[in-house]
Amino acid sequence: MSETKEIIEFGDIKDAEIYLQRVEKDIHKKSFSDQIAFREEIKKRHDKKQIQMLLGRLEDMIDNKKALSHFTTAFFAILSFILGGTLNYGLGLAEVSFASTIIILVFYTAVAIWFALSFGESRRLKKLTGYKRLLQECLEEIPDKRHFRRRV
């Protein structure tokens, strides 16, 4: 962990993912020793309740990502309707070679968009689940504090 990184007060955190990236970026790709250092840094900066709050925010982000994945399907359904309508209308007006070129270009464009969306979403989901796992490990490592006062 770099000591030059600015420590943000817990109350000033606006986005759990951005905050965790400021602590250590792409920690899910790094070695176990780096991940252990990340967990120690998080435990040094926050108490158990704050880590639970960060973990809850990450779980919400993961759930939202999974819930919004239907938009990719909807995009391609709309694209297929547009393409089908265009083909139906356009084949009657254009030459066959020109229409087939348009079909191929639209197909490759749709595949490229799908690949970019899928890759970006899976990468972000992997990052969020990596941070989630590390926060869960932090919580498991923090002992329950039960203080009993002794009567003297």
C-alpha atoms as a PDB file:
ATOM      1  CA  MET A   1       0.000   0.000   0.000  1.00  0.00           C
ATOM      2  CA  SER A   2       1.318   3.367  -0.945  1.00  0.00           C
ATOM      3  CA  GLU A   3       1.558   5.888   1.862  1.00  0.00           C
ATOM      4  CA  THR A   4       1.124   8.794  -0.566  1.00  0.00           C
ATOM      5  CA  LYS A   5      -2.534   7.981  -1.176  1.00  0.00           C
ATOM      6  CA  GLU A   6      -4.967  10.398   0.398  1.00  0.00           C
ATOM      7  CA  ILE A   7      -7.066   8.908   3.176  1.00  0.00           C
ATOM      8  CA  ILE A   8     -10.701   9.915   2.859  1.00  0.00           C
ATOM      9  CA  GLU A   9     -12.859  10.179   5.952  1.00  0.00           C
ATOM     10  CA  PHE A  10     -15.590   7.527   6.054  1.00  0.00           C
ATOM     11  CA  GLY A  11     -18.377  10.102   6.071  1.00  0.00           C
ATOM     12  CA  ASP A  12     -17.025  11.708   2.899  1.00  0.00           C
ATOM     13  CA  ILE A  13     -17.183   8.514   0.816  1.00  0.00           C
ATOM     14  CA  LYS A  14     -19.700   8.862  -2.026  1.00  0.00           C
ATOM     15  CA  ASP A  15     -19.099   5.613  -3.926  1.00  0.00           C
ATOM     16  CA  ALA A  16     -17.751   2.443  -2.320  1.00  0.00           C
ATOM     17  CA  GLU A  17     -16.189   1.152  -5.536  1.00  0.00           C
ATOM     18  CA  ILE A  18     -14.311   4.392  -6.247  1.00  0.00           C
ATOM     19  CA  TYR A  19     -13.135   4.580  -2.647  1.00  0.00           C
ATOM     20  CA  LEU A  20     -11.804   1.010  -2.682  1.00  0.00           C
ATOM     21  CA  GLN A  21     -10.045   1.686  -5.979  1.00  0.00           C
ATOM     22  CA  ARG A  22      -8.314   4.663  -4.366  1.00  0.00           C
ATOM     23  CA  VAL A  23      -7.079   2.387  -1.592  1.00  0.00           C
ATOM     24  CA  GLU A  24      -5.748  -0.115  -4.157  1.00  0.00           C
ATOM     25  CA  LYS A  25      -6.685  -0.335  -7.820  1.00  0.00           C
ATOM     26  CA  ASP A  26      -7.330  -3.733  -9.477  1.00  0.00           C
ATOM     27  CA  ILE A  27      -6.567  -5.638  -6.287  1.00  0.00           C
ATOM     28  CA  HIS A  28      -8.526  -8.633  -7.607  1.00  0.00           C
ATOM     29  CA  LYS A  29      -5.753  -9.143 -10.200  1.00  0.00           C
ATOM     30  CA  LYS A  30      -2.875  -8.948  -7.717  1.00  0.00           C
ATOM     31  CA  SER A  31      -1.141 -11.561  -5.583  1.00  0.00           C
ATOM     32  CA  PHE A  32      -2.412 -12.901  -2.283  1.00  0.00           C
ATOM     33  CA  SER A  33       0.254 -10.972  -0.398  1.00  0.00           C
ATOM     34  CA  ASP A  34      -0.995  -7.715  -1.966  1.00  0.00           C
ATOM     35  CA  GLN A  35      -4.554  -8.677  -1.083  1.00  0.00           C
ATOM     36  CA  ILE A  36      -3.534  -9.367   2.510  1.00  0.00           C
ATOM     37  CA  ALA A  37      -1.913  -5.925   2.663  1.00  0.00           C
ATOM     38  CA  PHE A  38      -5.137  -4.420   1.249  1.00  0.00           C
ATOM     39  CA  ARG A  39      -7.207  -6.151   3.928  1.00  0.00           C
ATOM     40  CA  GLU A  40      -4.851  -4.903   6.652  1.00  0.00           C
ATOM     41  CA  GLU A  41      -5.131  -1.356   5.297  1.00  0.00           C
ATOM     42  CA  ILE A  42      -8.944  -1.560   5.290  1.00  0.00           C
ATOM     43  CA  LYS A  43      -8.988  -2.946   8.850  1.00  0.00           C
ATOM     44  CA  LYS A  44      -6.624  -0.165   9.938  1.00  0.00           C
ATOM     45  CA  ARG A  45      -8.831   2.550   8.418  1.00  0.00           C
ATOM     46  CA  HIS A  46     -12.285   1.233   9.382  1.00  0.00           C
ATOM     47  CA  ASP A  47     -14.107  -0.546  12.132  1.00  0.00           C
ATOM     48  CA  LYS A  48     -16.376  -3.554  11.654  1.00  0.00           C
ATOM     49  CA  LYS A  49     -19.560  -1.517  11.200  1.00  0.00           C
ATOM     50  CA  GLN A  50     -18.011   0.656   8.486  1.00  0.00           C
ATOM     51  CA  ILE A  51     -16.694  -2.396   6.626  1.00  0.00           C
ATOM     52  CA  GLN A  52     -20.179  -3.919   6.788  1.00  0.00           C
ATOM     53  CA  MET A  53     -21.601  -0.719   5.294  1.00  0.00           C
ATOM     54  CA  LEU A  54     -19.057  -0.805   2.439  1.00  0.00           C
ATOM     55  CA  LEU A  55     -19.837  -4.475   1.864  1.00  0.00           C
ATOM     56  CA  GLY A  56     -23.562  -3.753   1.745  1.00  0.00           C
ATOM     57  CA  ARG A  57     -23.020  -1.009  -0.836  1.00  0.00           C
ATOM     58  CA  LEU A  58     -20.942  -3.367  -2.992  1.00  0.00           C
ATOM     59  CA  GLU A  59     -23.615  -6.069  -2.771  1.00  0.00           C
ATOM     60  CA  ASP A  60     -26.204  -3.530  -3.921  1.00  0.00           C
ATOM     61  CA  MET A  61     -24.004  -2.560  -6.881  1.00  0.00           C
ATOM     62  CA  ILE A  62     -23.598  -6.213  -7.855  1.00  0.00           C
ATOM     63  CA  ASP A  63     -27.348  -6.809  -7.626  1.00  0.00           C
ATOM     64  CA  ASN A  64     -28.018  -3.716  -9.766  1.00  0.00           C
ATOM     65  CA  LYS A  65     -25.505  -4.871 -12.384  1.00  0.00           C
ATOM     66  CA  LYS A  66     -27.193  -8.250 -12.592  1.00  0.00           C
ATOM     67  CA  ALA A  67     -30.665  -6.695 -12.714  1.00  0.00           C
ATOM     68  CA  LEU A  68     -29.743  -4.321 -15.540  1.00  0.00           C
ATOM     69  CA  SER A  69     -28.269  -7.036 -17.760  1.00  0.00           C
ATOM     70  CA  HIS A  70     -31.636  -7.398 -19.526  1.00  0.00           C
ATOM     71  CA  PHE A  71     -30.968  -4.079 -21.290  1.00  0.00           C
ATOM     72  CA  THR A  72     -28.388  -5.802 -23.465  1.00  0.00           C
ATOM     73  CA  THR A  73     -31.017  -8.307 -24.559  1.00  0.00           C
ATOM     74  CA  ALA A  74     -33.513  -5.519 -25.172  1.00  0.00           C
ATOM     75  CA  PHE A  75     -30.960  -3.633 -27.281  1.00  0.00           C
ATOM     76  CA  PHE A  76     -30.491  -6.602 -29.576  1.00  0.00           C
ATOM     77  CA  ALA A  77     -34.228  -7.282 -29.771  1.00  0.00           C
ATOM     78  CA  ILE A  78     -34.808  -3.695 -30.925  1.00  0.00           C
ATOM     79  CA  LEU A  79     -31.871  -3.960 -33.312  1.00  0.00           C
ATOM     80  CA  SER A  80     -33.299  -7.136 -34.851  1.00  0.00           C
ATOM     81  CA  PHE A  81     -36.692  -5.469 -35.388  1.00  0.00           C
ATOM     82  CA  ILE A  82     -35.042  -2.487 -37.048  1.00  0.00           C
ATOM     83  CA  LEU A  83     -32.818  -4.700 -39.148  1.00  0.00           C
ATOM     84  CA  GLY A  84     -35.738  -6.915 -40.137  1.00  0.00           C
ATOM     85  CA  GLY A  85     -37.873  -3.935 -41.114  1.00  0.00           C
ATOM     86  CA  THR A  86     -35.039  -2.349 -43.022  1.00  0.00           C
ATOM     87  CA  LEU A  87     -34.335  -5.568 -44.864  1.00  0.00           C
ATOM     88  CA  ASN A  88     -37.961  -6.097 -45.748  1.00  0.00           C
ATOM     89  CA  TYR A  89     -38.312  -2.585 -47.102  1.00  0.00           C
ATOM     90  CA  GLY A  90     -34.757  -2.101 -48.388  1.00  0.00           C
ATOM     91  CA  LEU A  91     -34.460  -5.323 -50.374  1.00  0.00           C
ATOM     92  CA  GLY A  92     -37.311  -4.231 -52.562  1.00  0.00           C
ATOM     93  CA  LEU A  93     -35.645  -0.897 -53.337  1.00  0.00           C
ATOM     94  CA  ALA A  94     -31.929  -1.625 -53.479  1.00  0.00           C
ATOM     95  CA  GLU A  95     -29.724  -3.914 -55.420  1.00  0.00           C
ATOM     96  CA  VAL A  96     -29.065  -7.300 -53.872  1.00  0.00           C
ATOM     97  CA  SER A  97     -25.298  -6.768 -53.541  1.00  0.00           C
ATOM     98  CA  PHE A  98     -25.773  -3.387 -51.830  1.00  0.00           C
ATOM     99  CA  ALA A  99     -28.373  -4.819 -49.424  1.00  0.00           C
ATOM    100  CA  SER A 100     -26.125  -7.753 -48.499  1.00  0.00           C
ATOM    101  CA  THR A 101     -23.265  -5.323 -47.782  1.00  0.00           C
ATOM    102  CA  ILE A 102     -25.513  -3.321 -45.465  1.00  0.00           C
ATOM    103  CA  ILE A 103     -26.656  -6.508 -43.719  1.00  0.00           C
ATOM    104  CA  ILE A 104     -23.066  -7.621 -43.139  1.00  0.00           C
ATOM    105  CA  LEU A 105     -22.019  -4.180 -41.848  1.00  0.00           C
ATOM    106  CA  VAL A 106     -24.964  -4.006 -39.436  1.00  0.00           C
ATOM    107  CA  PHE A 107     -24.266  -7.559 -38.260  1.00  0.00           C
ATOM    108  CA  TYR A 108     -20.590  -6.853 -37.540  1.00  0.00           C
ATOM    109  CA  THR A 109     -21.467  -3.575 -35.833  1.00  0.00           C
ATOM    110  CA  ALA A 110     -24.006  -5.357 -33.610  1.00  0.00           C
ATOM    111  CA  VAL A 111     -21.496  -8.069 -32.710  1.00  0.00           C
ATOM    112  CA  ALA A 112     -18.855  -5.448 -31.875  1.00  0.00           C
ATOM    113  CA  ILE A 113     -21.298  -3.530 -29.665  1.00  0.00           C
ATOM    114  CA  TRP A 114     -22.385  -6.738 -27.940  1.00  0.00           C
ATOM    115  CA  PHE A 115     -18.761  -7.737 -27.341  1.00  0.00           C
ATOM    116  CA  ALA A 116     -17.865  -4.320 -25.912  1.00  0.00           C
ATOM    117  CA  LEU A 117     -20.903  -4.262 -23.616  1.00  0.00           C
ATOM    118  CA  SER A 118     -20.403  -7.823 -22.418  1.00  0.00           C
ATOM    119  CA  PHE A 119     -16.684  -7.408 -21.845  1.00  0.00           C
ATOM    120  CA  GLY A 120     -17.106  -4.154 -19.928  1.00  0.00           C
ATOM    121  CA  GLU A 121     -19.908  -5.443 -17.753  1.00  0.00           C
ATOM    122  CA  SER A 122     -18.191  -8.744 -16.928  1.00  0.00           C
ATOM    123  CA  ARG A 123     -14.968  -6.900 -16.081  1.00  0.00           C
ATOM    124  CA  ARG A 124     -16.733  -4.509 -13.712  1.00  0.00           C
ATOM    125  CA  LEU A 125     -18.715  -7.345 -12.123  1.00  0.00           C
ATOM    126  CA  LYS A 126     -15.494  -9.295 -11.563  1.00  0.00           C
ATOM    127  CA  LYS A 127     -13.915  -6.251  -9.918  1.00  0.00           C
ATOM    128  CA  LEU A 128     -16.912  -5.694  -7.644  1.00  0.00           C
ATOM    129  CA  THR A 129     -17.047  -9.337  -6.570  1.00  0.00           C
ATOM    130  CA  GLY A 130     -13.303  -9.246  -5.881  1.00  0.00           C
ATOM    131  CA  TYR A 131     -13.687  -6.258  -3.570  1.00  0.00           C
ATOM    132  CA  LYS A 132     -16.724  -7.909  -1.975  1.00  0.00           C
ATOM    133  CA  ARG A 133     -14.746 -11.070  -1.207  1.00  0.00           C
ATOM    134  CA  LEU A 134     -11.891  -9.093   0.332  1.00  0.00           C
ATOM    135  CA  LEU A 135     -14.273  -7.121   2.540  1.00  0.00           C
ATOM    136  CA  GLN A 136     -15.908 -10.371   3.656  1.00  0.00           C
ATOM    137  CA  GLU A 137     -12.472 -11.695   4.583  1.00  0.00           C
ATOM    138  CA  CYS A 138     -11.822  -8.492   6.535  1.00  0.00           C
ATOM    139  CA  LEU A 139     -14.994  -9.046   8.517  1.00  0.00           C
ATOM    140  CA  GLU A 140     -14.052 -12.649   9.232  1.00  0.00           C
ATOM    141  CA  GLU A 141     -10.629 -11.565  10.518  1.00  0.00           C
ATOM    142  CA  ILE A 142     -11.977  -8.918  12.891  1.00  0.00           C
ATOM    143  CA  PRO A 143     -12.710 -10.518  16.255  1.00  0.00           C
ATOM    144  CA  ASP A 144     -16.005  -9.844  17.965  1.00  0.00           C
ATOM    145  CA  LYS A 145     -15.404  -7.325  20.696  1.00  0.00           C
ATOM    146  CA  ARG A 146     -17.217  -8.335  23.803  1.00  0.00           C
ATOM    147  CA  HIS A 147     -16.062  -6.395  26.763  1.00  0.00           C
ATOM    148  CA  PHE A 148     -17.235  -7.415  30.157  1.00  0.00           C
ATOM    149  CA  ARG A 149     -16.592  -5.240  33.113  1.00  0.00           C
ATOM    150  CA  ARG A 150     -15.358  -7.092  36.106  1.00  0.00           C
ATOM    151  CA  ARG A 151     -16.746  -6.201  39.425  1.00  0.00           C
ATOM    152  CA  VAL A 152     -14.080  -5.547  41.988  1.00  0.00           C
END
